mmCIF file of all heavy atoms, coordinates in Angstrom:
data_MODEL
# 
_entry.id   MODEL 
# 
loop_
_atom_site.group_PDB 
_atom_site.id 
_atom_site.type_symbol 
_atom_site.label_atom_id 
_atom_site.label_alt_id 
_atom_site.label_comp_id 
_atom_site.label_asym_id 
_atom_site.label_entity_id 
_atom_site.label_seq_id 
_atom_site.pdbx_PDB_ins_code 
_atom_site.Cartn_x 
_atom_site.Cartn_y 
_atom_site.Cartn_z 
_atom_site.occupancy 
_atom_site.B_iso_or_equiv 
_atom_site.pdbx_formal_charge 
_atom_site.auth_seq_id 
_atom_site.auth_comp_id 
_atom_site.auth_asym_id 
_atom_site.auth_atom_id 
_atom_site.pdbx_PDB_model_num 
ATOM 1   N N   . GLY A 1 1  ? -6.851  -37.280 61.153 1.00 0.00 ? 1  GLY A N   1 
ATOM 2   C CA  . GLY A 1 1  ? -6.566  -36.315 60.169 1.00 0.00 ? 1  GLY A CA  1 
ATOM 3   C C   . GLY A 1 1  ? -7.792  -35.556 59.684 1.00 0.00 ? 1  GLY A C   1 
ATOM 4   O O   . GLY A 1 1  ? -8.872  -35.806 60.298 1.00 0.00 ? 1  GLY A O   1 
ATOM 5   N N   . LYS A 1 2  ? -7.714  -34.763 58.682 1.00 0.00 ? 2  LYS A N   1 
ATOM 6   C CA  . LYS A 1 2  ? -8.805  -33.969 58.201 1.00 0.00 ? 2  LYS A CA  1 
ATOM 7   C C   . LYS A 1 2  ? -9.406  -34.589 56.930 1.00 0.00 ? 2  LYS A C   1 
ATOM 8   O O   . LYS A 1 2  ? -8.725  -35.200 56.120 1.00 0.00 ? 2  LYS A O   1 
ATOM 9   C CB  . LYS A 1 2  ? -8.355  -32.541 57.852 1.00 0.00 ? 2  LYS A CB  1 
ATOM 10  C CG  . LYS A 1 2  ? -7.907  -31.678 59.055 1.00 0.00 ? 2  LYS A CG  1 
ATOM 11  C CD  . LYS A 1 2  ? -7.547  -30.306 58.680 1.00 0.00 ? 2  LYS A CD  1 
ATOM 12  C CE  . LYS A 1 2  ? -7.188  -29.476 59.941 1.00 0.00 ? 2  LYS A CE  1 
ATOM 13  N NZ  . LYS A 1 2  ? -6.812  -28.052 59.599 1.00 0.00 ? 2  LYS A NZ  1 
ATOM 14  N N   . GLY A 1 3  ? -10.702 -34.426 56.851 1.00 0.00 ? 3  GLY A N   1 
ATOM 15  C CA  . GLY A 1 3  ? -11.469 -34.876 55.657 1.00 0.00 ? 3  GLY A CA  1 
ATOM 16  C C   . GLY A 1 3  ? -11.322 -36.379 55.368 1.00 0.00 ? 3  GLY A C   1 
ATOM 17  O O   . GLY A 1 3  ? -11.234 -36.776 54.335 1.00 0.00 ? 3  GLY A O   1 
ATOM 18  N N   . ILE A 1 4  ? -11.492 -37.128 56.465 1.00 0.00 ? 4  ILE A N   1 
ATOM 19  C CA  . ILE A 1 4  ? -11.316 -38.603 56.316 1.00 0.00 ? 4  ILE A CA  1 
ATOM 20  C C   . ILE A 1 4  ? -12.643 -39.173 55.614 1.00 0.00 ? 4  ILE A C   1 
ATOM 21  O O   . ILE A 1 4  ? -13.742 -38.781 55.953 1.00 0.00 ? 4  ILE A O   1 
ATOM 22  C CB  . ILE A 1 4  ? -11.225 -39.249 57.674 1.00 0.00 ? 4  ILE A CB  1 
ATOM 23  C CG1 . ILE A 1 4  ? -10.008 -38.690 58.452 1.00 0.00 ? 4  ILE A CG1 1 
ATOM 24  C CG2 . ILE A 1 4  ? -11.066 -40.806 57.521 1.00 0.00 ? 4  ILE A CG2 1 
ATOM 25  C CD1 . ILE A 1 4  ? -8.673  -38.846 57.793 1.00 0.00 ? 4  ILE A CD1 1 
ATOM 26  N N   . VAL A 1 5  ? -12.372 -40.032 54.678 1.00 0.00 ? 5  VAL A N   1 
ATOM 27  C CA  . VAL A 1 5  ? -13.485 -40.649 53.948 1.00 0.00 ? 5  VAL A CA  1 
ATOM 28  C C   . VAL A 1 5  ? -13.225 -42.203 54.020 1.00 0.00 ? 5  VAL A C   1 
ATOM 29  O O   . VAL A 1 5  ? -12.138 -42.688 54.353 1.00 0.00 ? 5  VAL A O   1 
ATOM 30  C CB  . VAL A 1 5  ? -13.561 -40.175 52.482 1.00 0.00 ? 5  VAL A CB  1 
ATOM 31  C CG1 . VAL A 1 5  ? -13.930 -38.780 52.359 1.00 0.00 ? 5  VAL A CG1 1 
ATOM 32  C CG2 . VAL A 1 5  ? -12.247 -40.516 51.710 1.00 0.00 ? 5  VAL A CG2 1 
ATOM 33  N N   . GLY A 1 6  ? -14.319 -42.901 53.670 1.00 0.00 ? 6  GLY A N   1 
ATOM 34  C CA  . GLY A 1 6  ? -14.150 -44.398 53.585 1.00 0.00 ? 6  GLY A CA  1 
ATOM 35  C C   . GLY A 1 6  ? -13.204 -44.740 52.559 1.00 0.00 ? 6  GLY A C   1 
ATOM 36  O O   . GLY A 1 6  ? -13.025 -44.096 51.495 1.00 0.00 ? 6  GLY A O   1 
ATOM 37  N N   . TRP A 1 7  ? -12.534 -45.940 52.708 1.00 0.00 ? 7  TRP A N   1 
ATOM 38  C CA  . TRP A 1 7  ? -11.573 -46.380 51.667 1.00 0.00 ? 7  TRP A CA  1 
ATOM 39  C C   . TRP A 1 7  ? -12.142 -46.401 50.239 1.00 0.00 ? 7  TRP A C   1 
ATOM 40  O O   . TRP A 1 7  ? -13.334 -46.786 49.991 1.00 0.00 ? 7  TRP A O   1 
ATOM 41  C CB  . TRP A 1 7  ? -11.109 -47.801 52.030 1.00 0.00 ? 7  TRP A CB  1 
ATOM 42  C CG  . TRP A 1 7  ? -10.173 -47.829 53.134 1.00 0.00 ? 7  TRP A CG  1 
ATOM 43  C CD1 . TRP A 1 7  ? -9.696  -46.722 53.897 1.00 0.00 ? 7  TRP A CD1 1 
ATOM 44  C CD2 . TRP A 1 7  ? -9.658  -49.070 53.831 1.00 0.00 ? 7  TRP A CD2 1 
ATOM 45  N NE1 . TRP A 1 7  ? -8.859  -47.189 54.903 1.00 0.00 ? 7  TRP A NE1 1 
ATOM 46  C CE2 . TRP A 1 7  ? -8.816  -48.700 54.890 1.00 0.00 ? 7  TRP A CE2 1 
ATOM 47  C CE3 . TRP A 1 7  ? -9.876  -50.402 53.541 1.00 0.00 ? 7  TRP A CE3 1 
ATOM 48  C CZ2 . TRP A 1 7  ? -8.165  -49.564 55.693 1.00 0.00 ? 7  TRP A CZ2 1 
ATOM 49  C CZ3 . TRP A 1 7  ? -9.125  -51.277 54.376 1.00 0.00 ? 7  TRP A CZ3 1 
ATOM 50  C CH2 . TRP A 1 7  ? -8.338  -50.848 55.375 1.00 0.00 ? 7  TRP A CH2 1 
ATOM 51  N N   . TYR A 1 8  ? -11.378 -45.943 49.323 1.00 0.00 ? 8  TYR A N   1 
ATOM 52  C CA  . TYR A 1 8  ? -11.704 -46.038 47.937 1.00 0.00 ? 8  TYR A CA  1 
ATOM 53  C C   . TYR A 1 8  ? -11.057 -47.294 47.301 1.00 0.00 ? 8  TYR A C   1 
ATOM 54  O O   . TYR A 1 8  ? -9.871  -47.402 47.225 1.00 0.00 ? 8  TYR A O   1 
ATOM 55  C CB  . TYR A 1 8  ? -11.281 -44.763 47.281 1.00 0.00 ? 8  TYR A CB  1 
ATOM 56  C CG  . TYR A 1 8  ? -11.469 -44.783 45.712 1.00 0.00 ? 8  TYR A CG  1 
ATOM 57  C CD1 . TYR A 1 8  ? -12.708 -44.528 45.190 1.00 0.00 ? 8  TYR A CD1 1 
ATOM 58  C CD2 . TYR A 1 8  ? -10.384 -45.073 44.841 1.00 0.00 ? 8  TYR A CD2 1 
ATOM 59  C CE1 . TYR A 1 8  ? -12.918 -44.478 43.823 1.00 0.00 ? 8  TYR A CE1 1 
ATOM 60  C CE2 . TYR A 1 8  ? -10.590 -45.064 43.494 1.00 0.00 ? 8  TYR A CE2 1 
ATOM 61  C CZ  . TYR A 1 8  ? -11.796 -44.791 42.973 1.00 0.00 ? 8  TYR A CZ  1 
ATOM 62  O OH  . TYR A 1 8  ? -12.050 -44.820 41.656 1.00 0.00 ? 8  TYR A OH  1 
ATOM 63  N N   . ASP A 1 9  ? -11.880 -48.119 46.838 1.00 0.00 ? 9  ASP A N   1 
ATOM 64  C CA  . ASP A 1 9  ? -11.330 -49.421 46.298 1.00 0.00 ? 9  ASP A CA  1 
ATOM 65  C C   . ASP A 1 9  ? -12.324 -49.927 45.220 1.00 0.00 ? 9  ASP A C   1 
ATOM 66  O O   . ASP A 1 9  ? -13.461 -50.316 45.559 1.00 0.00 ? 9  ASP A O   1 
ATOM 67  C CB  . ASP A 1 9  ? -11.195 -50.451 47.457 1.00 0.00 ? 9  ASP A CB  1 
ATOM 68  C CG  . ASP A 1 9  ? -10.358 -51.649 46.968 1.00 0.00 ? 9  ASP A CG  1 
ATOM 69  O OD1 . ASP A 1 9  ? -10.430 -52.047 45.839 1.00 0.00 ? 9  ASP A OD1 1 
ATOM 70  O OD2 . ASP A 1 9  ? -9.606  -52.237 47.836 1.00 0.00 ? 9  ASP A OD2 1 
ATOM 71  N N   . VAL A 1 10 ? -11.877 -50.117 43.980 1.00 0.00 ? 10 VAL A N   1 
ATOM 72  C CA  . VAL A 1 10 ? -12.784 -50.566 42.962 1.00 0.00 ? 10 VAL A CA  1 
ATOM 73  C C   . VAL A 1 10 ? -13.211 -51.990 43.129 1.00 0.00 ? 10 VAL A C   1 
ATOM 74  O O   . VAL A 1 10 ? -14.171 -52.480 42.642 1.00 0.00 ? 10 VAL A O   1 
ATOM 75  C CB  . VAL A 1 10 ? -12.119 -50.403 41.592 1.00 0.00 ? 10 VAL A CB  1 
ATOM 76  C CG1 . VAL A 1 10 ? -11.892 -48.925 41.250 1.00 0.00 ? 10 VAL A CG1 1 
ATOM 77  C CG2 . VAL A 1 10 ? -10.810 -51.210 41.486 1.00 0.00 ? 10 VAL A CG2 1 
ATOM 78  N N   . HIS A 1 11 ? -12.421 -52.724 44.022 1.00 0.00 ? 11 HIS A N   1 
ATOM 79  C CA  . HIS A 1 11 ? -12.837 -54.126 44.313 1.00 0.00 ? 11 HIS A CA  1 
ATOM 80  C C   . HIS A 1 11 ? -14.094 -54.323 45.033 1.00 0.00 ? 11 HIS A C   1 
ATOM 81  O O   . HIS A 1 11 ? -14.622 -55.368 45.108 1.00 0.00 ? 11 HIS A O   1 
ATOM 82  C CB  . HIS A 1 11 ? -11.681 -54.774 45.048 1.00 0.00 ? 11 HIS A CB  1 
ATOM 83  C CG  . HIS A 1 11 ? -10.467 -55.039 44.248 1.00 0.00 ? 11 HIS A CG  1 
ATOM 84  N ND1 . HIS A 1 11 ? -9.360  -54.075 44.313 1.00 0.00 ? 11 HIS A ND1 1 
ATOM 85  C CD2 . HIS A 1 11 ? -10.155 -55.900 43.242 1.00 0.00 ? 11 HIS A CD2 1 
ATOM 86  C CE1 . HIS A 1 11 ? -8.435  -54.461 43.453 1.00 0.00 ? 11 HIS A CE1 1 
ATOM 87  N NE2 . HIS A 1 11 ? -8.833  -55.574 42.848 1.00 0.00 ? 11 HIS A NE2 1 
ATOM 88  N N   . TRP A 1 12 ? -14.600 -53.215 45.606 1.00 0.00 ? 12 TRP A N   1 
ATOM 89  C CA  . TRP A 1 12 ? -15.961 -53.298 46.248 1.00 0.00 ? 12 TRP A CA  1 
ATOM 90  C C   . TRP A 1 12 ? -16.887 -52.285 45.616 1.00 0.00 ? 12 TRP A C   1 
ATOM 91  O O   . TRP A 1 12 ? -17.886 -51.854 46.211 1.00 0.00 ? 12 TRP A O   1 
ATOM 92  C CB  . TRP A 1 12 ? -15.932 -53.164 47.723 1.00 0.00 ? 12 TRP A CB  1 
ATOM 93  C CG  . TRP A 1 12 ? -15.218 -52.003 48.312 1.00 0.00 ? 12 TRP A CG  1 
ATOM 94  C CD1 . TRP A 1 12 ? -15.482 -50.706 48.079 1.00 0.00 ? 12 TRP A CD1 1 
ATOM 95  C CD2 . TRP A 1 12 ? -14.240 -52.008 49.388 1.00 0.00 ? 12 TRP A CD2 1 
ATOM 96  N NE1 . TRP A 1 12 ? -14.703 -49.897 48.881 1.00 0.00 ? 12 TRP A NE1 1 
ATOM 97  C CE2 . TRP A 1 12 ? -13.983 -50.705 49.716 1.00 0.00 ? 12 TRP A CE2 1 
ATOM 98  C CE3 . TRP A 1 12 ? -13.612 -53.042 50.069 1.00 0.00 ? 12 TRP A CE3 1 
ATOM 99  C CZ2 . TRP A 1 12 ? -13.060 -50.353 50.701 1.00 0.00 ? 12 TRP A CZ2 1 
ATOM 100 C CZ3 . TRP A 1 12 ? -12.685 -52.739 50.974 1.00 0.00 ? 12 TRP A CZ3 1 
ATOM 101 C CH2 . TRP A 1 12 ? -12.369 -51.311 51.304 1.00 0.00 ? 12 TRP A CH2 1 
ATOM 102 N N   . GLY A 1 13 ? -16.560 -51.767 44.406 1.00 0.00 ? 13 GLY A N   1 
ATOM 103 C CA  . GLY A 1 13 ? -17.419 -50.920 43.646 1.00 0.00 ? 13 GLY A CA  1 
ATOM 104 C C   . GLY A 1 13 ? -17.373 -49.420 43.914 1.00 0.00 ? 13 GLY A C   1 
ATOM 105 O O   . GLY A 1 13 ? -18.261 -48.671 43.533 1.00 0.00 ? 13 GLY A O   1 
ATOM 106 N N   . SER A 1 14 ? -16.209 -48.953 44.493 1.00 0.00 ? 14 SER A N   1 
ATOM 107 C CA  . SER A 1 14 ? -16.067 -47.574 44.695 1.00 0.00 ? 14 SER A CA  1 
ATOM 108 C C   . SER A 1 14 ? -15.982 -46.845 43.313 1.00 0.00 ? 14 SER A C   1 
ATOM 109 O O   . SER A 1 14 ? -15.574 -47.353 42.321 1.00 0.00 ? 14 SER A O   1 
ATOM 110 C CB  . SER A 1 14 ? -14.760 -47.255 45.405 1.00 0.00 ? 14 SER A CB  1 
ATOM 111 O OG  . SER A 1 14 ? -14.811 -47.777 46.736 1.00 0.00 ? 14 SER A OG  1 
ATOM 112 N N   . ASP A 1 15 ? -16.546 -45.620 43.390 1.00 0.00 ? 15 ASP A N   1 
ATOM 113 C CA  . ASP A 1 15 ? -16.558 -44.819 42.116 1.00 0.00 ? 15 ASP A CA  1 
ATOM 114 C C   . ASP A 1 15 ? -16.246 -43.405 42.538 1.00 0.00 ? 15 ASP A C   1 
ATOM 115 O O   . ASP A 1 15 ? -17.013 -42.746 43.284 1.00 0.00 ? 15 ASP A O   1 
ATOM 116 C CB  . ASP A 1 15 ? -17.945 -44.840 41.460 1.00 0.00 ? 15 ASP A CB  1 
ATOM 117 C CG  . ASP A 1 15 ? -18.036 -44.128 40.147 1.00 0.00 ? 15 ASP A CG  1 
ATOM 118 O OD1 . ASP A 1 15 ? -18.145 -42.897 40.199 1.00 0.00 ? 15 ASP A OD1 1 
ATOM 119 O OD2 . ASP A 1 15 ? -17.983 -44.717 39.074 1.00 0.00 ? 15 ASP A OD2 1 
ATOM 120 N N   . LEU A 1 16 ? -15.144 -42.880 41.998 1.00 0.00 ? 16 LEU A N   1 
ATOM 121 C CA  . LEU A 1 16 ? -14.672 -41.528 42.422 1.00 0.00 ? 16 LEU A CA  1 
ATOM 122 C C   . LEU A 1 16 ? -15.638 -40.374 42.106 1.00 0.00 ? 16 LEU A C   1 
ATOM 123 O O   . LEU A 1 16 ? -15.862 -39.532 42.928 1.00 0.00 ? 16 LEU A O   1 
ATOM 124 C CB  . LEU A 1 16 ? -13.280 -41.264 41.885 1.00 0.00 ? 16 LEU A CB  1 
ATOM 125 C CG  . LEU A 1 16 ? -12.519 -40.032 42.385 1.00 0.00 ? 16 LEU A CG  1 
ATOM 126 C CD1 . LEU A 1 16 ? -12.394 -40.030 43.908 1.00 0.00 ? 16 LEU A CD1 1 
ATOM 127 C CD2 . LEU A 1 16 ? -11.152 -39.958 41.749 1.00 0.00 ? 16 LEU A CD2 1 
ATOM 128 N N   . ARG A 1 17 ? -16.156 -40.434 40.903 1.00 0.00 ? 17 ARG A N   1 
ATOM 129 C CA  . ARG A 1 17 ? -17.169 -39.369 40.462 1.00 0.00 ? 17 ARG A CA  1 
ATOM 130 C C   . ARG A 1 17 ? -18.342 -39.370 41.372 1.00 0.00 ? 17 ARG A C   1 
ATOM 131 O O   . ARG A 1 17 ? -18.770 -38.269 41.860 1.00 0.00 ? 17 ARG A O   1 
ATOM 132 C CB  . ARG A 1 17 ? -17.519 -39.641 39.009 1.00 0.00 ? 17 ARG A CB  1 
ATOM 133 C CG  . ARG A 1 17 ? -18.506 -38.528 38.519 1.00 0.00 ? 17 ARG A CG  1 
ATOM 134 C CD  . ARG A 1 17 ? -18.866 -38.728 37.060 1.00 0.00 ? 17 ARG A CD  1 
ATOM 135 N NE  . ARG A 1 17 ? -17.629 -38.562 36.168 1.00 0.00 ? 17 ARG A NE  1 
ATOM 136 C CZ  . ARG A 1 17 ? -17.712 -38.618 34.869 1.00 0.00 ? 17 ARG A CZ  1 
ATOM 137 N NH1 . ARG A 1 17 ? -18.845 -38.952 34.251 1.00 0.00 ? 17 ARG A NH1 1 
ATOM 138 N NH2 . ARG A 1 17 ? -16.665 -38.402 34.190 1.00 0.00 ? 17 ARG A NH2 1 
ATOM 139 N N   . ASP A 1 18 ? -18.925 -40.553 41.661 1.00 0.00 ? 18 ASP A N   1 
ATOM 140 C CA  . ASP A 1 18 ? -20.077 -40.654 42.498 1.00 0.00 ? 18 ASP A CA  1 
ATOM 141 C C   . ASP A 1 18 ? -19.677 -40.201 43.918 1.00 0.00 ? 18 ASP A C   1 
ATOM 142 O O   . ASP A 1 18 ? -20.526 -39.508 44.607 1.00 0.00 ? 18 ASP A O   1 
ATOM 143 C CB  . ASP A 1 18 ? -20.571 -42.112 42.591 1.00 0.00 ? 18 ASP A CB  1 
ATOM 144 C CG  . ASP A 1 18 ? -21.366 -42.490 41.392 1.00 0.00 ? 18 ASP A CG  1 
ATOM 145 O OD1 . ASP A 1 18 ? -21.717 -41.602 40.560 1.00 0.00 ? 18 ASP A OD1 1 
ATOM 146 O OD2 . ASP A 1 18 ? -21.608 -43.660 41.115 1.00 0.00 ? 18 ASP A OD2 1 
ATOM 147 N N   . PHE A 1 19 ? -18.504 -40.559 44.423 1.00 0.00 ? 19 PHE A N   1 
ATOM 148 C CA  . PHE A 1 19 ? -17.989 -40.204 45.690 1.00 0.00 ? 19 PHE A CA  1 
ATOM 149 C C   . PHE A 1 19 ? -18.049 -38.680 45.932 1.00 0.00 ? 19 PHE A C   1 
ATOM 150 O O   . PHE A 1 19 ? -18.589 -38.150 46.927 1.00 0.00 ? 19 PHE A O   1 
ATOM 151 C CB  . PHE A 1 19 ? -16.605 -40.747 45.965 1.00 0.00 ? 19 PHE A CB  1 
ATOM 152 C CG  . PHE A 1 19 ? -16.325 -41.257 47.274 1.00 0.00 ? 19 PHE A CG  1 
ATOM 153 C CD1 . PHE A 1 19 ? -15.420 -42.310 47.500 1.00 0.00 ? 19 PHE A CD1 1 
ATOM 154 C CD2 . PHE A 1 19 ? -16.959 -40.667 48.375 1.00 0.00 ? 19 PHE A CD2 1 
ATOM 155 C CE1 . PHE A 1 19 ? -15.114 -42.741 48.782 1.00 0.00 ? 19 PHE A CE1 1 
ATOM 156 C CE2 . PHE A 1 19 ? -16.650 -41.155 49.707 1.00 0.00 ? 19 PHE A CE2 1 
ATOM 157 C CZ  . PHE A 1 19 ? -15.708 -42.219 49.829 1.00 0.00 ? 19 PHE A CZ  1 
ATOM 158 N N   . LYS A 1 20 ? -17.522 -37.979 44.877 1.00 0.00 ? 20 LYS A N   1 
ATOM 159 C CA  . LYS A 1 20 ? -17.444 -36.491 45.031 1.00 0.00 ? 20 LYS A CA  1 
ATOM 160 C C   . LYS A 1 20 ? -18.872 -35.898 45.039 1.00 0.00 ? 20 LYS A C   1 
ATOM 161 O O   . LYS A 1 20 ? -19.175 -34.877 45.769 1.00 0.00 ? 20 LYS A O   1 
ATOM 162 C CB  . LYS A 1 20 ? -16.622 -35.924 43.832 1.00 0.00 ? 20 LYS A CB  1 
ATOM 163 C CG  . LYS A 1 20 ? -15.174 -36.255 43.868 1.00 0.00 ? 20 LYS A CG  1 
ATOM 164 C CD  . LYS A 1 20 ? -14.452 -35.808 42.656 1.00 0.00 ? 20 LYS A CD  1 
ATOM 165 C CE  . LYS A 1 20 ? -12.921 -36.060 42.722 1.00 0.00 ? 20 LYS A CE  1 
ATOM 166 N NZ  . LYS A 1 20 ? -12.236 -35.568 41.488 1.00 0.00 ? 20 LYS A NZ  1 
ATOM 167 N N   . LYS A 1 21 ? -19.762 -36.443 44.118 1.00 0.00 ? 21 LYS A N   1 
ATOM 168 C CA  . LYS A 1 21 ? -21.123 -36.000 44.098 1.00 0.00 ? 21 LYS A CA  1 
ATOM 169 C C   . LYS A 1 21 ? -21.816 -36.097 45.406 1.00 0.00 ? 21 LYS A C   1 
ATOM 170 O O   . LYS A 1 21 ? -22.564 -35.270 45.860 1.00 0.00 ? 21 LYS A O   1 
ATOM 171 C CB  . LYS A 1 21 ? -21.885 -36.676 42.990 1.00 0.00 ? 21 LYS A CB  1 
ATOM 172 C CG  . LYS A 1 21 ? -21.501 -36.205 41.580 1.00 0.00 ? 21 LYS A CG  1 
ATOM 173 C CD  . LYS A 1 21 ? -22.361 -36.969 40.563 1.00 0.00 ? 21 LYS A CD  1 
ATOM 174 C CE  . LYS A 1 21 ? -22.024 -36.589 39.093 1.00 0.00 ? 21 LYS A CE  1 
ATOM 175 N NZ  . LYS A 1 21 ? -22.880 -37.374 38.135 1.00 0.00 ? 21 LYS A NZ  1 
ATOM 176 N N   . SER A 1 22 ? -21.552 -37.296 46.023 1.00 0.00 ? 22 SER A N   1 
ATOM 177 C CA  . SER A 1 22 ? -22.186 -37.517 47.290 1.00 0.00 ? 22 SER A CA  1 
ATOM 178 C C   . SER A 1 22 ? -21.765 -36.611 48.437 1.00 0.00 ? 22 SER A C   1 
ATOM 179 O O   . SER A 1 22 ? -22.528 -36.133 49.265 1.00 0.00 ? 22 SER A O   1 
ATOM 180 C CB  . SER A 1 22 ? -21.947 -39.067 47.675 1.00 0.00 ? 22 SER A CB  1 
ATOM 181 O OG  . SER A 1 22 ? -22.657 -39.883 46.800 1.00 0.00 ? 22 SER A OG  1 
ATOM 182 N N   . ILE A 1 23 ? -20.457 -36.309 48.461 1.00 0.00 ? 23 ILE A N   1 
ATOM 183 C CA  . ILE A 1 23 ? -19.933 -35.393 49.498 1.00 0.00 ? 23 ILE A CA  1 
ATOM 184 C C   . ILE A 1 23 ? -20.591 -34.031 49.221 1.00 0.00 ? 23 ILE A C   1 
ATOM 185 O O   . ILE A 1 23 ? -20.931 -33.327 50.217 1.00 0.00 ? 23 ILE A O   1 
ATOM 186 C CB  . ILE A 1 23 ? -18.403 -35.319 49.426 1.00 0.00 ? 23 ILE A CB  1 
ATOM 187 C CG1 . ILE A 1 23 ? -17.751 -36.631 49.785 1.00 0.00 ? 23 ILE A CG1 1 
ATOM 188 C CG2 . ILE A 1 23 ? -17.839 -34.199 50.315 1.00 0.00 ? 23 ILE A CG2 1 
ATOM 189 C CD1 . ILE A 1 23 ? -18.008 -37.081 51.225 1.00 0.00 ? 23 ILE A CD1 1 
ATOM 190 N N   . LYS A 1 24 ? -20.630 -33.606 47.978 1.00 0.00 ? 24 LYS A N   1 
ATOM 191 C CA  . LYS A 1 24 ? -21.304 -32.261 47.685 1.00 0.00 ? 24 LYS A CA  1 
ATOM 192 C C   . LYS A 1 24 ? -22.747 -32.258 48.134 1.00 0.00 ? 24 LYS A C   1 
ATOM 193 O O   . LYS A 1 24 ? -23.279 -31.268 48.625 1.00 0.00 ? 24 LYS A O   1 
ATOM 194 C CB  . LYS A 1 24 ? -21.151 -31.982 46.210 1.00 0.00 ? 24 LYS A CB  1 
ATOM 195 C CG  . LYS A 1 24 ? -19.755 -31.646 45.747 1.00 0.00 ? 24 LYS A CG  1 
ATOM 196 C CD  . LYS A 1 24 ? -19.690 -31.469 44.280 1.00 0.00 ? 24 LYS A CD  1 
ATOM 197 C CE  . LYS A 1 24 ? -18.293 -31.211 43.782 1.00 0.00 ? 24 LYS A CE  1 
ATOM 198 N NZ  . LYS A 1 24 ? -18.176 -31.043 42.262 1.00 0.00 ? 24 LYS A NZ  1 
ATOM 199 N N   . LYS A 1 25 ? -23.479 -33.384 47.878 1.00 0.00 ? 25 LYS A N   1 
ATOM 200 C CA  . LYS A 1 25 ? -24.859 -33.491 48.357 1.00 0.00 ? 25 LYS A CA  1 
ATOM 201 C C   . LYS A 1 25 ? -24.923 -33.376 49.901 1.00 0.00 ? 25 LYS A C   1 
ATOM 202 O O   . LYS A 1 25 ? -25.761 -32.664 50.391 1.00 0.00 ? 25 LYS A O   1 
ATOM 203 C CB  . LYS A 1 25 ? -25.429 -34.814 47.970 1.00 0.00 ? 25 LYS A CB  1 
ATOM 204 C CG  . LYS A 1 25 ? -26.894 -35.042 48.396 1.00 0.00 ? 25 LYS A CG  1 
ATOM 205 C CD  . LYS A 1 25 ? -27.290 -36.494 48.234 1.00 0.00 ? 25 LYS A CD  1 
ATOM 206 C CE  . LYS A 1 25 ? -27.687 -36.881 46.835 1.00 0.00 ? 25 LYS A CE  1 
ATOM 207 N NZ  . LYS A 1 25 ? -28.291 -38.171 46.658 1.00 0.00 ? 25 LYS A NZ  1 
ATOM 208 N N   . LEU A 1 26 ? -24.063 -34.047 50.628 1.00 0.00 ? 26 LEU A N   1 
ATOM 209 C CA  . LEU A 1 26 ? -24.120 -34.005 52.058 1.00 0.00 ? 26 LEU A CA  1 
ATOM 210 C C   . LEU A 1 26 ? -23.795 -32.543 52.549 1.00 0.00 ? 26 LEU A C   1 
ATOM 211 O O   . LEU A 1 26 ? -24.440 -32.072 53.478 1.00 0.00 ? 26 LEU A O   1 
ATOM 212 C CB  . LEU A 1 26 ? -23.083 -35.003 52.619 1.00 0.00 ? 26 LEU A CB  1 
ATOM 213 C CG  . LEU A 1 26 ? -23.382 -36.462 52.424 1.00 0.00 ? 26 LEU A CG  1 
ATOM 214 C CD1 . LEU A 1 26 ? -22.187 -37.296 52.938 1.00 0.00 ? 26 LEU A CD1 1 
ATOM 215 C CD2 . LEU A 1 26 ? -24.687 -36.877 53.029 1.00 0.00 ? 26 LEU A CD2 1 
ATOM 216 N N   . LYS A 1 27 ? -22.827 -31.918 51.932 1.00 0.00 ? 27 LYS A N   1 
ATOM 217 C CA  . LYS A 1 27 ? -22.474 -30.567 52.296 1.00 0.00 ? 27 LYS A CA  1 
ATOM 218 C C   . LYS A 1 27 ? -23.636 -29.622 52.066 1.00 0.00 ? 27 LYS A C   1 
ATOM 219 O O   . LYS A 1 27 ? -23.877 -28.686 52.880 1.00 0.00 ? 27 LYS A O   1 
ATOM 220 C CB  . LYS A 1 27 ? -21.318 -30.115 51.544 1.00 0.00 ? 27 LYS A CB  1 
ATOM 221 C CG  . LYS A 1 27 ? -20.750 -28.714 51.900 1.00 0.00 ? 27 LYS A CG  1 
ATOM 222 C CD  . LYS A 1 27 ? -19.514 -28.354 51.182 1.00 0.00 ? 27 LYS A CD  1 
ATOM 223 C CE  . LYS A 1 27 ? -19.016 -26.927 51.489 1.00 0.00 ? 27 LYS A CE  1 
ATOM 224 N NZ  . LYS A 1 27 ? -17.821 -26.505 50.782 1.00 0.00 ? 27 LYS A NZ  1 
# 
């Protein structure tokens, strides 16, 4: 599929706000 990202799961410390910032940084 398109735009695949690593699993988002709070049980291993995922953070949605940080995730978005990191993708923007990479872009």
